[in-house]
Amino acid sequence: MNNHPSSFGPSPVESLPAKSVLTPTARSSSGYRLYRESDLARLEQIVVLKSLGVPLTRIGQRLRGEVGLQDVLRSHNQILSNRRRHLSLAMETLDEIEQAAAGGEPDWNTFAELVREAEADKHATLRLRTHCSEAMLKRIRERRQAWTMTLEDYQLAGELRALIARNETPASPAGQALAARWRDTMARFAGGDADMKNAVYRLVADWGHGASTPLTLKMRDFFLEAMNTTL
């Protein structure tokens, strides 16, 4: 294959924002970037990865050999999976609001709680490192890619707050019913993996870590007592 500089016309990289992640061999008299034909595969790799949403900084790291392609693909796939999960929740919530609006003004406090729970879920993975080995983290990340949290799953924390507000006890029928639902959610996520189920339990039990409000601590204590109570 000819490795002399050749112009592909206005390169696809010309339209990329910020700094180019592929250095041109030279420039033509018209100012176009010139690349060797051997660079074509790298150039196409940039275009493909950028079209899939991979940040240019990450693409640059890949081209410089600082990270492997598998790492780039796996981490970006996780980002997209998280977005898909939250988009799914958003669509379900919109349906709920639309149904509620058919009967009058929706209860915005209820939906505001759902939004707050969704935001909290985005940061939950960051705390996993304090509870899991790297091998378990990998398994949980892979499981999360295939997991779609339902609206009912997101409502668990909100319903726990409501039980506390009504002065229910963890051993009450309502407290045990909520605990049963929580066990079901964790079991469905773990898919029969006992170690993963225990790791998820430890994560939820860490709810009050760094908490600044008494309510958060009450929620953690209620959850732990309810989950450990057998009627």
Protein backbone atom coordinates (compact mmCIF):
# COMPACT_ATOMS: atom_id res chain seq x y z
CA MET A 1 0.00 0.00 0.00
CA ASN A 2 1.25 3.47 -0.79
CA ASN A 3 2.35 5.24 2.41
CA HIS A 4 3.05 8.62 0.84
CA PRO A 5 0.94 11.50 2.15
CA SER A 6 -2.33 11.77 0.28
CA SER A 7 -5.26 14.09 0.64
CA PHE A 8 -8.69 12.68 1.34
CA GLY A 9 -10.15 16.14 0.74
CA PRO A 10 -11.63 17.78 3.83
CA SER A 11 -10.84 15.10 6.39
CA PRO A 12 -13.58 13.76 8.67
CA VAL A 13 -11.37 14.95 11.52
CA GLU A 14 -11.63 18.53 10.23
CA SER A 15 -15.14 18.69 11.66
CA LEU A 16 -14.15 17.35 15.11
CA PRO A 17 -14.18 19.95 17.90
CA ALA A 18 -11.15 20.87 20.01
CA LYS A 19 -7.74 19.37 19.19
CA SER A 20 -7.38 16.70 16.58
CA VAL A 21 -6.63 13.29 18.03
CA LEU A 22 -4.80 12.25 14.87
CA THR A 23 -1.77 14.29 13.80
CA PRO A 24 -1.63 15.01 10.05
CA THR A 25 1.54 14.16 8.17
CA ALA A 26 1.48 17.50 6.37
CA ARG A 27 -0.86 20.13 4.96
CA SER A 28 -1.62 20.87 1.33
CA SER A 29 -1.20 24.31 -0.21
CA SER A 30 -4.97 24.71 0.26
CA GLY A 31 -4.68 24.02 3.97
CA TYR A 32 -6.18 20.52 3.97
CA ARG A 33 -4.70 18.00 6.37
CA LEU A 34 -2.75 15.24 4.62
CA TYR A 35 -2.51 11.70 5.97
CA ARG A 36 -0.71 8.55 4.92
CA GLU A 37 -2.99 5.82 3.63
CA SER A 38 -1.81 3.69 6.55
CA ASP A 39 -3.54 6.18 8.85
CA LEU A 40 -6.95 5.55 7.26
CA ALA A 41 -7.94 2.82 9.75
CA ARG A 42 -7.04 5.06 12.70
CA LEU A 43 -8.95 7.92 11.13
CA GLU A 44 -12.03 5.76 10.65
CA GLN A 45 -11.69 4.49 14.24
CA ILE A 46 -11.90 8.09 15.47
CA VAL A 47 -15.00 8.78 13.40
CA VAL A 48 -16.74 5.58 14.56
CA LEU A 49 -15.95 6.02 18.25
CA LYS A 50 -16.91 9.70 18.23
CA SER A 51 -20.22 8.92 16.48
CA LEU A 52 -20.95 6.51 19.36
CA GLY A 53 -20.37 9.28 21.88
CA VAL A 54 -16.91 8.34 23.14
CA PRO A 55 -15.18 11.56 24.32
CA LEU A 56 -12.27 12.81 22.24
CA THR A 57 -9.97 12.70 25.26
CA ARG A 58 -10.76 9.00 25.67
CA ILE A 59 -10.20 8.35 21.95
CA GLY A 60 -6.85 10.12 22.20
CA GLN A 61 -5.84 7.89 25.12
CA ARG A 62 -6.76 4.85 23.04
CA LEU A 63 -4.73 6.00 20.02
CA ARG A 64 -1.71 6.76 22.21
CA GLY A 65 -1.88 3.29 23.71
CA GLU A 66 -2.66 4.56 27.22
CA VAL A 67 -5.82 2.43 27.45
CA GLY A 68 -6.94 -0.69 25.62
CA LEU A 69 -9.83 -0.79 23.19
CA GLN A 70 -11.73 -3.25 25.41
CA ASP A 71 -11.50 -0.82 28.35
CA VAL A 72 -12.78 2.06 26.21
CA LEU A 73 -15.69 0.04 24.86
CA ARG A 74 -16.62 -1.51 28.21
CA SER A 75 -16.61 1.77 30.15
CA HIS A 76 -18.57 3.62 27.48
CA ASN A 77 -21.06 0.77 27.23
CA GLN A 78 -21.62 1.12 30.98
CA ILE A 79 -22.27 4.85 30.55
CA LEU A 80 -24.82 4.15 27.82
CA SER A 81 -26.45 1.42 29.93
CA ASN A 82 -26.88 3.86 32.80
CA ARG A 83 -28.41 6.40 30.43
CA ARG A 84 -30.76 3.75 29.05
CA ARG A 85 -31.87 2.82 32.55
CA HIS A 86 -32.58 6.42 33.51
CA LEU A 87 -34.30 7.12 30.19
CA SER A 88 -36.52 4.10 30.83
CA LEU A 89 -37.43 5.51 34.23
CA ALA A 90 -38.06 8.94 32.71
CA MET A 91 -40.44 7.45 30.13
CA GLU A 92 -42.31 5.49 32.80
CA THR A 93 -42.54 8.59 35.00
CA LEU A 94 -43.87 10.67 32.10
CA ASP A 95 -46.56 8.04 31.54
CA GLU A 96 -47.47 8.20 35.23
CA ILE A 97 -47.65 12.01 35.16
CA GLU A 98 -49.78 11.93 32.01
CA GLN A 99 -52.22 9.51 33.62
CA ALA A 100 -52.34 11.61 36.80
CA ALA A 101 -52.87 14.81 34.78
CA ALA A 102 -55.94 13.29 33.14
CA GLY A 103 -57.67 13.57 36.52
CA GLY A 104 -56.43 17.05 37.39
CA GLU A 105 -53.17 18.55 38.64
CA PRO A 106 -50.57 15.83 39.38
CA ASP A 107 -49.05 15.43 42.84
CA TRP A 108 -45.71 17.02 42.02
CA ASN A 109 -44.26 16.21 45.45
CA THR A 110 -44.56 12.51 44.68
CA PHE A 111 -42.84 12.84 41.33
CA ALA A 112 -40.15 15.11 42.81
CA GLU A 113 -39.30 12.28 45.20
CA LEU A 114 -38.93 9.90 42.26
CA VAL A 115 -36.53 12.30 40.57
CA ARG A 116 -34.44 12.57 43.73
CA GLU A 117 -34.30 8.80 44.03
CA ALA A 118 -33.16 8.53 40.42
CA GLU A 119 -30.39 11.06 41.04
CA ALA A 120 -29.26 9.12 44.10
CA ASP A 121 -29.09 5.92 42.04
CA LYS A 122 -26.65 7.59 39.62
CA HIS A 123 -24.13 7.94 42.41
CA ALA A 124 -24.75 4.60 44.10
CA THR A 125 -22.12 2.78 42.02
CA LEU A 126 -19.42 5.11 43.34
CA ARG A 127 -19.87 3.62 46.82
CA LEU A 128 -19.57 0.03 45.60
CA ARG A 129 -15.77 0.13 45.79
CA THR A 130 -15.95 0.31 49.58
CA HIS A 131 -17.89 -2.97 49.68
CA CYS A 132 -16.73 -5.09 46.75
CA SER A 133 -13.65 -6.63 45.24
CA GLU A 134 -12.67 -5.61 41.72
CA ALA A 135 -13.96 -8.96 40.45
CA MET A 136 -17.36 -8.38 42.08
CA LEU A 137 -17.47 -4.80 40.77
CA LYS A 138 -16.97 -6.17 37.26
CA ARG A 139 -19.80 -8.69 37.73
CA ILE A 140 -22.14 -6.02 39.11
CA ARG A 141 -21.31 -3.65 36.23
CA GLU A 142 -22.06 -6.40 33.72
CA ARG A 143 -25.33 -7.18 35.51
CA ARG A 144 -26.35 -3.51 35.53
CA GLN A 145 -25.98 -3.40 31.75
CA ALA A 146 -28.79 -5.93 31.44
CA TRP A 147 -30.87 -4.57 34.34
CA THR A 148 -33.79 -2.22 33.87
CA MET A 149 -35.03 -0.77 37.15
CA THR A 150 -38.81 -0.42 37.27
CA LEU A 151 -40.75 2.52 38.59
CA GLU A 152 -41.80 0.35 41.55
CA ASP A 153 -38.14 -0.30 42.36
CA TYR A 154 -37.40 3.42 42.42
CA GLN A 155 -40.41 4.01 44.67
CA LEU A 156 -39.06 1.79 47.47
CA ALA A 157 -37.09 4.55 49.19
CA GLY A 158 -39.99 6.98 48.93
CA GLU A 159 -42.35 4.44 50.44
CA LEU A 160 -39.87 3.82 53.25
CA ARG A 161 -39.91 7.53 54.07
CA ALA A 162 -43.72 7.41 54.10
CA LEU A 163 -43.71 4.50 56.57
CA ILE A 164 -41.40 6.41 58.88
CA ALA A 165 -43.64 9.48 58.64
CA ARG A 166 -46.62 7.31 59.68
CA ASN A 167 -44.62 5.95 62.64
CA GLU A 168 -44.80 2.39 61.30
CA THR A 169 -42.31 -0.06 62.80
CA PRO A 170 -40.01 -2.40 60.85
CA ALA A 171 -41.90 -5.38 62.30
CA SER A 172 -45.33 -4.02 61.30
CA PRO A 173 -47.20 -5.63 58.39
CA ALA A 174 -46.46 -2.57 56.24
CA GLY A 175 -42.79 -2.62 57.20
CA GLN A 176 -42.47 -6.32 56.43
CA ALA A 177 -44.35 -5.96 53.14
CA LEU A 178 -41.86 -3.29 52.05
CA ALA A 179 -38.94 -5.46 53.20
CA ALA A 180 -40.32 -8.33 51.11
CA ARG A 181 -40.45 -6.10 48.05
CA TRP A 182 -36.88 -4.97 48.69
CA ARG A 183 -35.72 -8.57 49.00
CA ASP A 184 -37.44 -9.33 45.70
CA THR A 185 -35.75 -6.41 43.96
CA MET A 186 -32.29 -7.44 45.18
CA ALA A 187 -32.96 -11.08 44.30
CA ARG A 188 -34.06 -10.14 40.78
CA PHE A 189 -30.95 -8.02 40.34
CA ALA A 190 -28.60 -10.72 41.65
CA GLY A 191 -30.26 -13.39 39.51
CA GLY A 192 -29.37 -16.20 41.90
CA ASP A 193 -25.82 -14.96 42.61
CA ALA A 194 -25.62 -15.08 46.43
CA ASP A 195 -22.33 -13.13 46.61
CA MET A 196 -23.73 -10.36 44.43
CA LYS A 197 -26.91 -10.24 46.52
CA ASN A 198 -24.83 -9.81 49.68
CA ALA A 199 -22.78 -7.05 48.05
CA VAL A 200 -25.96 -5.19 47.03
CA TYR A 201 -27.34 -5.62 50.55
CA ARG A 202 -24.18 -4.07 52.01
CA LEU A 203 -24.51 -1.18 49.59
CA VAL A 204 -28.08 -0.43 50.65
CA ALA A 205 -27.12 -0.88 54.31
CA ASP A 206 -24.51 1.86 53.77
CA TRP A 207 -27.31 4.31 53.05
CA GLY A 208 -26.49 6.53 56.01
CA HIS A 209 -22.77 6.82 55.25
CA GLY A 210 -21.89 10.50 55.41
CA ALA A 211 -25.52 11.40 56.03
CA SER A 212 -26.24 14.90 57.24
CA THR A 213 -29.91 14.45 58.07
CA PRO A 214 -31.56 12.35 60.80
CA LEU A 215 -34.14 11.07 58.29
CA THR A 216 -31.47 9.32 56.21
CA LEU A 217 -30.15 7.56 59.30
CA LYS A 218 -33.69 6.57 60.29
CA MET A 219 -34.22 5.12 56.82
CA ARG A 220 -31.06 3.04 57.10
CA ASP A 221 -31.94 1.77 60.60
CA PHE A 222 -35.53 0.98 59.53
CA PHE A 223 -34.27 -0.90 56.47
CA LEU A 224 -31.74 -2.97 58.43
CA GLU A 225 -34.22 -3.90 61.16
CA ALA A 226 -37.00 -4.69 58.68
CA MET A 227 -34.71 -6.86 56.54
CA ASN A 228 -33.50 -8.78 59.60
CA THR A 229 -36.95 -9.27 61.12
CA THR A 230 -38.74 -12.54 60.44
CA LEU A 231 -42.39 -12.70 61.40
